[in-house]
Amino acid sequence: MIFAVCYVGFKQNFTAEDFHLETRTAQKVETENPYSNTEILIDKIRVLMEEDQLFRKMDLHISDVALSVGSNRTYVSTYINKELNMSFSDYINNYRIEYAKSLLSKQNNTLSLIEISEQSGFTNEVSFYRNFKKITGTTPNRWLHEHASEC
C-alpha cells in the first residue's frame, strides 16, 4: 500500500513550486476579485480553448486552465460546474472530440486513430474511444464510415 502511494506521488506532474505559484495566484485573485463578473472568466476560458486550443495538451489539469486565465481552480470549477452543467473533464473532452471529428473529416486524412487521439490531447487510445462513444454515441470508426461521404 505504501509503495502504491509513493508510486502515485512520484508520477504526479504537480510540484511544490506549482502549488506555491497557484496559491500566490489564488490569494492575489481573491483579494482583487477580478472575476466577480463571470462574463470575463467565460470569455477568457473560451478564448483559451477555441483559439489557443489548450485542450490539446495531454494531462491538462484545471489548475493549468486557472493559471492561464489568471484565476484559481475554485472560480474555474464553479463556472464549469454551475454555468455549463458539466465536469471539467467532460468540458475538455467535448473540445477534444470535436477536434478529433474535424481531423477525421478532413479530405485526404492520412492520420491513424491513435495519431488523431494524441493530437486531440488524449493520453491513450482507450480513453479516446470511451469518450468518443460517450459524446457522439458511436465509435470513431463507425462515425468515420457514416460521415465518409461528407469528407
Foldseek 3Di string as FASTA:
>chain_A
DVVVVVVVVVPDPQDPVLVVVQVVLAVVCVVVVPCPPVVLVVVLLCCCCPVVVPLLAAPDDLQNSQVSSSYHSVSSQCCCCPVVVDGPVLVSLVSLLVQLVVLLLDPPRPDDQQRSSNRSHYPGDVVNQVSNCVVVVDGPVVVSVVCVVVD
